[in-house]
Amino acid sequence: MPARIVLMALLGVAVLALSACDEWGEGSKACPEGSDRWTQYQLFFGLSQGDGGTISEEQWREFLADTVTPRFPDGLTVLSGNGQWRDSSGEVLREGSKLLIIYAPPGEDGRRAIDEISEEYERRFDQESVLRVIDNACVSFS
């Protein structure tokens, strides 16, 4: 039974991932009046390091200031949380995490900036990966 639940969860993630790749084609619903189509980026950053250390709040703030903010100066949201994941040996690991949420006009510039942010985090803090979720959204500022 647990394998079936895992399979269903993976299928759900796959469906969500495919829907995130929709580039607002002809069949897409229009945004309500007064809102615009933007891209929503969610980046999940683990705070544990391979050497057993933890990325400090000061290190996170520096990364945010020198890597993220220059690429998205108009605004962003950071949430702190606790995450877990299964490593390649099957062990479930738990760690503190940061969720970065950014809305930006659609286009390659935003995706390129997200790639740069992820790559710098992986390099700077010796991380295996940064989970990225990309979706479309109707956005209004009222």
C-alpha atoms as a PDB file:
ATOM      1  CA  MET A   1       0.000   0.000   0.000  1.00  0.00           C
ATOM      2  CA  PRO A   2       2.737   2.578   0.791  1.00  0.00           C
ATOM      3  CA  ALA A   3       4.269   2.059  -2.687  1.00  0.00           C
ATOM      4  CA  ARG A   4       0.868   2.855  -4.208  1.00  0.00           C
ATOM      5  CA  ILE A   5       0.631   6.080  -2.181  1.00  0.00           C
ATOM      6  CA  VAL A   6       4.119   7.100  -3.270  1.00  0.00           C
ATOM      7  CA  LEU A   7       3.235   6.362  -6.902  1.00  0.00           C
ATOM      8  CA  MET A   8       0.057   8.460  -6.634  1.00  0.00           C
ATOM      9  CA  ALA A   9       2.018  11.318  -5.052  1.00  0.00           C
ATOM     10  CA  LEU A  10       4.643  11.187  -7.816  1.00  0.00           C
ATOM     11  CA  LEU A  11       1.912  11.173 -10.450  1.00  0.00           C
ATOM     12  CA  GLY A  12       0.369  14.250  -8.826  1.00  0.00           C
ATOM     13  CA  VAL A  13       3.730  16.029  -8.827  1.00  0.00           C
ATOM     14  CA  ALA A  14       4.221  15.129 -12.501  1.00  0.00           C
ATOM     15  CA  VAL A  15       0.820  16.557 -13.419  1.00  0.00           C
ATOM     16  CA  LEU A  16       1.595  19.762 -11.537  1.00  0.00           C
ATOM     17  CA  ALA A  17       5.009  20.013 -13.189  1.00  0.00           C
ATOM     18  CA  LEU A  18       3.500  19.609 -16.643  1.00  0.00           C
ATOM     19  CA  SER A  19       0.849  22.219 -15.933  1.00  0.00           C
ATOM     20  CA  ALA A  20       3.582  24.610 -14.770  1.00  0.00           C
ATOM     21  CA  CYS A  21       5.161  24.375 -18.212  1.00  0.00           C
ATOM     22  CA  ASP A  22       2.037  25.765 -19.906  1.00  0.00           C
ATOM     23  CA  GLU A  23       3.025  29.027 -21.552  1.00  0.00           C
ATOM     24  CA  TRP A  24      -0.491  30.477 -21.497  1.00  0.00           C
ATOM     25  CA  GLY A  25      -1.425  28.926 -24.810  1.00  0.00           C
ATOM     26  CA  GLU A  26      -4.614  29.551 -26.728  1.00  0.00           C
ATOM     27  CA  GLY A  27      -6.629  27.255 -24.449  1.00  0.00           C
ATOM     28  CA  SER A  28      -5.642  29.114 -21.288  1.00  0.00           C
ATOM     29  CA  LYS A  29      -8.176  31.113 -19.372  1.00  0.00           C
ATOM     30  CA  ALA A  30      -7.798  34.868 -19.509  1.00  0.00           C
ATOM     31  CA  CYS A  31      -6.859  36.725 -16.373  1.00  0.00           C
ATOM     32  CA  PRO A  32      -9.647  38.684 -14.708  1.00  0.00           C
ATOM     33  CA  GLU A  33      -9.955  42.332 -15.609  1.00  0.00           C
ATOM     34  CA  GLY A  34      -7.415  44.418 -13.736  1.00  0.00           C
ATOM     35  CA  SER A  35      -4.844  41.633 -13.452  1.00  0.00           C
ATOM     36  CA  ASP A  36      -1.911  40.576 -15.609  1.00  0.00           C
ATOM     37  CA  ARG A  37      -0.246  37.275 -16.416  1.00  0.00           C
ATOM     38  CA  TRP A  38       2.972  36.809 -14.481  1.00  0.00           C
ATOM     39  CA  THR A  39       5.222  33.893 -13.631  1.00  0.00           C
ATOM     40  CA  GLN A  40       5.373  32.596 -10.059  1.00  0.00           C
ATOM     41  CA  TYR A  41       8.688  31.137  -8.931  1.00  0.00           C
ATOM     42  CA  GLN A  42       9.000  29.127  -5.731  1.00  0.00           C
ATOM     43  CA  LEU A  43      12.496  28.099  -4.686  1.00  0.00           C
ATOM     44  CA  PHE A  44      13.067  25.745  -1.763  1.00  0.00           C
ATOM     45  CA  PHE A  45      16.473  26.085  -0.095  1.00  0.00           C
ATOM     46  CA  GLY A  46      17.728  23.537   2.434  1.00  0.00           C
ATOM     47  CA  LEU A  47      19.779  25.006   5.271  1.00  0.00           C
ATOM     48  CA  SER A  48      21.917  21.965   6.138  1.00  0.00           C
ATOM     49  CA  GLN A  49      25.398  21.650   4.705  1.00  0.00           C
ATOM     50  CA  GLY A  50      27.265  18.499   3.736  1.00  0.00           C
ATOM     51  CA  ASP A  51      29.864  19.010   6.476  1.00  0.00           C
ATOM     52  CA  GLY A  52      27.156  18.870   9.155  1.00  0.00           C
ATOM     53  CA  GLY A  53      26.928  22.637   9.535  1.00  0.00           C
ATOM     54  CA  THR A  54      23.901  24.843   9.054  1.00  0.00           C
ATOM     55  CA  ILE A  55      23.532  27.973   6.943  1.00  0.00           C
ATOM     56  CA  SER A  56      23.057  30.803   9.421  1.00  0.00           C
ATOM     57  CA  GLU A  57      20.477  33.588   9.259  1.00  0.00           C
ATOM     58  CA  GLU A  58      23.329  36.027   8.563  1.00  0.00           C
ATOM     59  CA  GLN A  59      24.602  33.904   5.645  1.00  0.00           C
ATOM     60  CA  TRP A  60      21.039  33.665   4.291  1.00  0.00           C
ATOM     61  CA  ARG A  61      20.540  37.463   4.553  1.00  0.00           C
ATOM     62  CA  GLU A  62      23.837  38.058   2.726  1.00  0.00           C
ATOM     63  CA  PHE A  63      22.820  35.644  -0.037  1.00  0.00           C
ATOM     64  CA  LEU A  64      19.433  37.331  -0.321  1.00  0.00           C
ATOM     65  CA  ALA A  65      21.031  40.799  -0.444  1.00  0.00           C
ATOM     66  CA  ASP A  66      23.831  40.106  -2.920  1.00  0.00           C
ATOM     67  CA  THR A  67      22.348  37.394  -5.136  1.00  0.00           C
ATOM     68  CA  VAL A  68      18.529  37.504  -5.087  1.00  0.00           C
ATOM     69  CA  THR A  69      17.572  41.147  -4.539  1.00  0.00           C
ATOM     70  CA  PRO A  70      19.695  42.546  -7.411  1.00  0.00           C
ATOM     71  CA  ARG A  71      17.907  40.165  -9.807  1.00  0.00           C
ATOM     72  CA  PHE A  72      14.400  40.840  -8.435  1.00  0.00           C
ATOM     73  CA  PRO A  73      14.529  44.299  -6.834  1.00  0.00           C
ATOM     74  CA  ASP A  74      10.763  44.905  -7.116  1.00  0.00           C
ATOM     75  CA  GLY A  75       9.892  42.454  -4.349  1.00  0.00           C
ATOM     76  CA  LEU A  76       9.835  38.913  -3.050  1.00  0.00           C
ATOM     77  CA  THR A  77       8.705  36.881  -0.053  1.00  0.00           C
ATOM     78  CA  VAL A  78      10.762  34.564   2.150  1.00  0.00           C
ATOM     79  CA  LEU A  79       9.183  32.007   4.470  1.00  0.00           C
ATOM     80  CA  SER A  80      11.092  29.936   7.010  1.00  0.00           C
ATOM     81  CA  GLY A  81      10.126  26.332   7.584  1.00  0.00           C
ATOM     82  CA  ASN A  82      11.166  22.779   8.226  1.00  0.00           C
ATOM     83  CA  GLY A  83      11.518  20.318   5.397  1.00  0.00           C
ATOM     84  CA  GLN A  84      12.386  16.714   4.839  1.00  0.00           C
ATOM     85  CA  TRP A  85      13.601  14.665   1.914  1.00  0.00           C
ATOM     86  CA  ARG A  86      14.883  11.178   1.157  1.00  0.00           C
ATOM     87  CA  ASP A  87      18.515  10.893   0.099  1.00  0.00           C
ATOM     88  CA  SER A  88      19.912   8.407  -2.434  1.00  0.00           C
ATOM     89  CA  SER A  89      20.459   5.775   0.301  1.00  0.00           C
ATOM     90  CA  GLY A  90      16.775   5.946   1.302  1.00  0.00           C
ATOM     91  CA  GLU A  91      17.333   7.800   4.573  1.00  0.00           C
ATOM     92  CA  VAL A  92      14.787  10.520   5.402  1.00  0.00           C
ATOM     93  CA  LEU A  93      16.593  13.702   6.377  1.00  0.00           C
ATOM     94  CA  ARG A  94      15.057  16.722   8.070  1.00  0.00           C
ATOM     95  CA  GLU A  95      16.367  20.255   7.958  1.00  0.00           C
ATOM     96  CA  GLY A  96      15.437  23.887   8.268  1.00  0.00           C
ATOM     97  CA  SER A  97      14.512  25.514   4.989  1.00  0.00           C
ATOM     98  CA  LYS A  98      13.692  28.776   3.261  1.00  0.00           C
ATOM     99  CA  LEU A  99      10.955  29.192   0.676  1.00  0.00           C
ATOM    100  CA  LEU A 100      11.517  32.095  -1.694  1.00  0.00           C
ATOM    101  CA  ILE A 101       8.441  33.267  -3.641  1.00  0.00           C
ATOM    102  CA  ILE A 102       8.849  35.676  -6.541  1.00  0.00           C
ATOM    103  CA  TYR A 103       6.348  36.979  -9.075  1.00  0.00           C
ATOM    104  CA  ALA A 104       7.777  38.425 -12.280  1.00  0.00           C
ATOM    105  CA  PRO A 105       6.608  39.241 -15.792  1.00  0.00           C
ATOM    106  CA  PRO A 106       6.880  36.135 -17.979  1.00  0.00           C
ATOM    107  CA  GLY A 107       9.954  35.642 -20.108  1.00  0.00           C
ATOM    108  CA  GLU A 108      13.422  34.225 -20.341  1.00  0.00           C
ATOM    109  CA  ASP A 109      14.983  36.960 -18.176  1.00  0.00           C
ATOM    110  CA  GLY A 110      13.151  35.717 -15.084  1.00  0.00           C
ATOM    111  CA  ARG A 111      13.990  32.080 -15.743  1.00  0.00           C
ATOM    112  CA  ARG A 112      17.638  32.948 -16.339  1.00  0.00           C
ATOM    113  CA  ALA A 113      17.757  34.885 -13.053  1.00  0.00           C
ATOM    114  CA  ILE A 114      16.181  31.938 -11.196  1.00  0.00           C
ATOM    115  CA  ASP A 115      18.808  29.602 -12.679  1.00  0.00           C
ATOM    116  CA  GLU A 116      21.586  31.976 -11.583  1.00  0.00           C
ATOM    117  CA  ILE A 117      20.183  32.204  -8.042  1.00  0.00           C
ATOM    118  CA  SER A 118      19.901  28.414  -7.749  1.00  0.00           C
ATOM    119  CA  GLU A 119      23.390  27.816  -9.137  1.00  0.00           C
ATOM    120  CA  GLU A 120      24.949  30.385  -6.792  1.00  0.00           C
ATOM    121  CA  TYR A 121      23.228  28.866  -3.753  1.00  0.00           C
ATOM    122  CA  GLU A 122      24.407  25.387  -4.708  1.00  0.00           C
ATOM    123  CA  ARG A 123      27.961  26.655  -5.259  1.00  0.00           C
ATOM    124  CA  ARG A 124      28.203  28.911  -2.217  1.00  0.00           C
ATOM    125  CA  PHE A 125      26.716  26.472   0.290  1.00  0.00           C
ATOM    126  CA  ASP A 126      27.783  23.153  -1.298  1.00  0.00           C
ATOM    127  CA  GLN A 127      24.189  22.049  -1.956  1.00  0.00           C
ATOM    128  CA  GLU A 128      23.085  19.196  -4.214  1.00  0.00           C
ATOM    129  CA  SER A 129      20.093  21.099  -5.557  1.00  0.00           C
ATOM    130  CA  VAL A 130      17.458  23.778  -5.119  1.00  0.00           C
ATOM    131  CA  LEU A 131      13.865  22.700  -5.723  1.00  0.00           C
ATOM    132  CA  ARG A 132      12.209  25.071  -8.202  1.00  0.00           C
ATOM    133  CA  VAL A 133       8.491  25.331  -8.924  1.00  0.00           C
ATOM    134  CA  ILE A 134       7.425  27.533 -11.828  1.00  0.00           C
ATOM    135  CA  ASP A 135       3.784  28.360 -12.459  1.00  0.00           C
ATOM    136  CA  ASN A 136       1.609  30.967 -14.114  1.00  0.00           C
ATOM    137  CA  ALA A 137      -0.494  33.396 -12.117  1.00  0.00           C
ATOM    138  CA  CYS A 138      -2.882  36.278 -12.567  1.00  0.00           C
ATOM    139  CA  VAL A 139      -1.503  39.188 -10.541  1.00  0.00           C
ATOM    140  CA  SER A 140      -2.961  42.539  -9.556  1.00  0.00           C
ATOM    141  CA  PHE A 141      -1.765  45.246  -7.208  1.00  0.00           C
ATOM    142  CA  SER A 142      -4.777  46.866  -5.606  1.00  0.00           C
END
